[in-house]
Amino acid sequence: KELAARVKHQLRRIPELKFFLDDTLDQVFKMEELFEKIKKEESKNDNEEEKG
């Protein structure tokens, strides 16, 4: 609304701006944790196969 008051004589219509929380980084960290867990499990299984 403050922006509309400043430019009301310059523009006919002020677009509505919407902001949202970008949780992409959180998703990246979760994926990295999953990949690391898979990697550890595969390594553990490989070691068990070598011993067995």
N, C-alpha and C. Protein backbone atom coordinates (compact mmCIF):
# COMPACT_ATOMS: atom_id res chain seq x y z
N LYS A 1 0.83 -1.19 0.00
CA LYS A 1 0.00 0.00 0.00
C LYS A 1 0.86 1.24 0.00
N GLU A 2 1.99 1.17 0.70
CA GLU A 2 2.89 2.32 0.72
C GLU A 2 3.44 2.58 -0.68
N LEU A 3 3.77 1.51 -1.38
CA LEU A 3 4.27 1.64 -2.74
C LEU A 3 3.20 2.26 -3.64
N ALA A 4 1.97 1.83 -3.47
CA ALA A 4 0.87 2.37 -4.27
C ALA A 4 0.73 3.87 -4.07
N ALA A 5 0.88 4.33 -2.85
CA ALA A 5 0.77 5.76 -2.57
C ALA A 5 1.89 6.54 -3.24
N ARG A 6 3.06 5.96 -3.33
CA ARG A 6 4.20 6.65 -3.94
C ARG A 6 4.10 6.76 -5.45
N VAL A 7 3.55 5.76 -6.10
CA VAL A 7 3.55 5.74 -7.57
C VAL A 7 2.16 5.84 -8.18
N LYS A 8 1.17 6.23 -7.40
CA LYS A 8 -0.21 6.22 -7.90
C LYS A 8 -0.41 7.13 -9.11
N HIS A 9 0.39 8.16 -9.26
CA HIS A 9 0.25 9.06 -10.41
C HIS A 9 1.10 8.61 -11.60
N GLN A 10 1.96 7.63 -11.38
CA GLN A 10 2.84 7.17 -12.45
C GLN A 10 2.34 5.88 -13.09
N LEU A 11 1.66 5.06 -12.34
CA LEU A 11 1.18 3.78 -12.85
C LEU A 11 -0.34 3.68 -12.68
N ARG A 12 -0.96 3.00 -13.61
CA ARG A 12 -2.41 2.81 -13.50
C ARG A 12 -2.75 1.70 -12.51
N ARG A 13 -1.94 0.70 -12.50
CA ARG A 13 -2.24 -0.46 -11.65
C ARG A 13 -0.95 -0.94 -10.99
N ILE A 14 -1.03 -1.24 -9.72
CA ILE A 14 0.13 -1.74 -8.98
C ILE A 14 -0.03 -3.25 -8.85
N PRO A 15 0.94 -4.02 -9.32
CA PRO A 15 0.84 -5.48 -9.18
C PRO A 15 0.93 -5.88 -7.71
N GLU A 16 0.24 -6.94 -7.38
CA GLU A 16 0.29 -7.46 -6.02
C GLU A 16 1.52 -8.36 -5.89
N LEU A 17 2.33 -8.07 -4.92
CA LEU A 17 3.55 -8.85 -4.69
C LEU A 17 3.28 -9.86 -3.58
N LYS A 18 3.66 -11.09 -3.82
CA LYS A 18 3.51 -12.13 -2.81
C LYS A 18 4.88 -12.74 -2.55
N PHE A 19 5.20 -12.87 -1.29
CA PHE A 19 6.47 -13.47 -0.89
C PHE A 19 6.18 -14.81 -0.23
N PHE A 20 7.10 -15.74 -0.41
CA PHE A 20 6.94 -17.05 0.19
C PHE A 20 8.29 -17.54 0.67
N LEU A 21 8.24 -18.42 1.63
CA LEU A 21 9.45 -19.00 2.19
C LEU A 21 9.99 -20.05 1.22
N ASP A 22 11.23 -19.90 0.85
CA ASP A 22 11.87 -20.86 -0.05
C ASP A 22 12.59 -21.90 0.81
N ASP A 23 12.06 -23.12 0.82
CA ASP A 23 12.65 -24.18 1.65
C ASP A 23 13.52 -25.13 0.84
N THR A 24 13.99 -24.67 -0.30
CA THR A 24 14.82 -25.50 -1.17
C THR A 24 16.08 -25.97 -0.45
N LEU A 25 16.69 -25.08 0.29
CA LEU A 25 17.93 -25.43 0.99
C LEU A 25 17.69 -26.54 2.01
N ASP A 26 16.57 -26.48 2.71
CA ASP A 26 16.22 -27.54 3.66
C ASP A 26 16.08 -28.88 2.94
N GLN A 27 15.46 -28.86 1.78
CA GLN A 27 15.28 -30.09 1.00
C GLN A 27 16.63 -30.63 0.54
N VAL A 28 17.53 -29.73 0.17
CA VAL A 28 18.87 -30.15 -0.26
C VAL A 28 19.58 -30.87 0.89
N PHE A 29 19.51 -30.30 2.08
CA PHE A 29 20.16 -30.93 3.24
C PHE A 29 19.56 -32.30 3.53
N LYS A 30 18.25 -32.42 3.43
CA LYS A 30 17.60 -33.71 3.67
C LYS A 30 18.06 -34.74 2.64
N MET A 31 18.15 -34.34 1.39
CA MET A 31 18.60 -35.25 0.34
C MET A 31 20.05 -35.68 0.58
N GLU A 32 20.89 -34.74 0.97
CA GLU A 32 22.29 -35.07 1.25
C GLU A 32 22.39 -36.07 2.40
N GLU A 33 21.56 -35.88 3.42
CA GLU A 33 21.55 -36.83 4.54
C GLU A 33 21.15 -38.22 4.07
N LEU A 34 20.13 -38.29 3.22
CA LEU A 34 19.69 -39.58 2.70
C LEU A 34 20.77 -40.25 1.86
N PHE A 35 21.43 -39.48 1.01
CA PHE A 35 22.51 -40.05 0.18
C PHE A 35 23.66 -40.54 1.06
N GLU A 36 23.97 -39.79 2.09
CA GLU A 36 25.06 -40.19 2.99
C GLU A 36 24.68 -41.47 3.73
N LYS A 37 23.43 -41.57 4.15
CA LYS A 37 22.95 -42.78 4.83
C LYS A 37 23.04 -43.99 3.91
N ILE A 38 22.62 -43.82 2.67
CA ILE A 38 22.70 -44.91 1.69
C ILE A 38 24.15 -45.32 1.46
N LYS A 39 25.01 -44.32 1.35
CA LYS A 39 26.43 -44.59 1.12
C LYS A 39 27.03 -45.39 2.28
N LYS A 40 26.68 -45.02 3.51
CA LYS A 40 27.19 -45.74 4.68
C LYS A 40 26.66 -47.17 4.72
N GLU A 41 25.38 -47.33 4.41
CA GLU A 41 24.79 -48.68 4.41
C GLU A 41 25.43 -49.56 3.35
N GLU A 42 25.69 -49.00 2.18
CA GLU A 42 26.34 -49.77 1.11
C GLU A 42 27.75 -50.15 1.51
N SER A 43 28.45 -49.23 2.14
CA SER A 43 29.81 -49.50 2.59
C SER A 43 29.81 -50.59 3.66
N LYS A 44 28.84 -50.52 4.57
CA LYS A 44 28.71 -51.53 5.62
C LYS A 44 28.43 -52.90 5.01
N ASN A 45 27.54 -52.95 4.04
CA ASN A 45 27.20 -54.21 3.37
C ASN A 45 28.40 -54.78 2.61
N ASP A 46 29.17 -53.91 1.97
CA ASP A 46 30.36 -54.36 1.25
C ASP A 46 31.38 -54.97 2.22
N ASN A 47 31.55 -54.34 3.37
CA ASN A 47 32.50 -54.85 4.37
C ASN A 47 32.04 -56.19 4.92
N GLU A 48 30.74 -56.35 5.14
CA GLU A 48 30.22 -57.62 5.65
C GLU A 48 30.40 -58.73 4.62
N GLU A 49 30.23 -58.41 3.34
CA GLU A 49 30.40 -59.41 2.29
C GLU A 49 31.86 -59.86 2.20
N GLU A 50 32.78 -58.92 2.40
CA GLU A 50 34.20 -59.27 2.34
C GLU A 50 34.58 -60.19 3.51
N LYS A 51 33.98 -59.98 4.67
CA LYS A 51 34.28 -60.80 5.85
C LYS A 51 33.61 -62.17 5.76
N GLY A 52 32.44 -62.21 5.14
CA GLY A 52 31.65 -63.44 5.12
C GLY A 52 32.03 -64.33 4.02
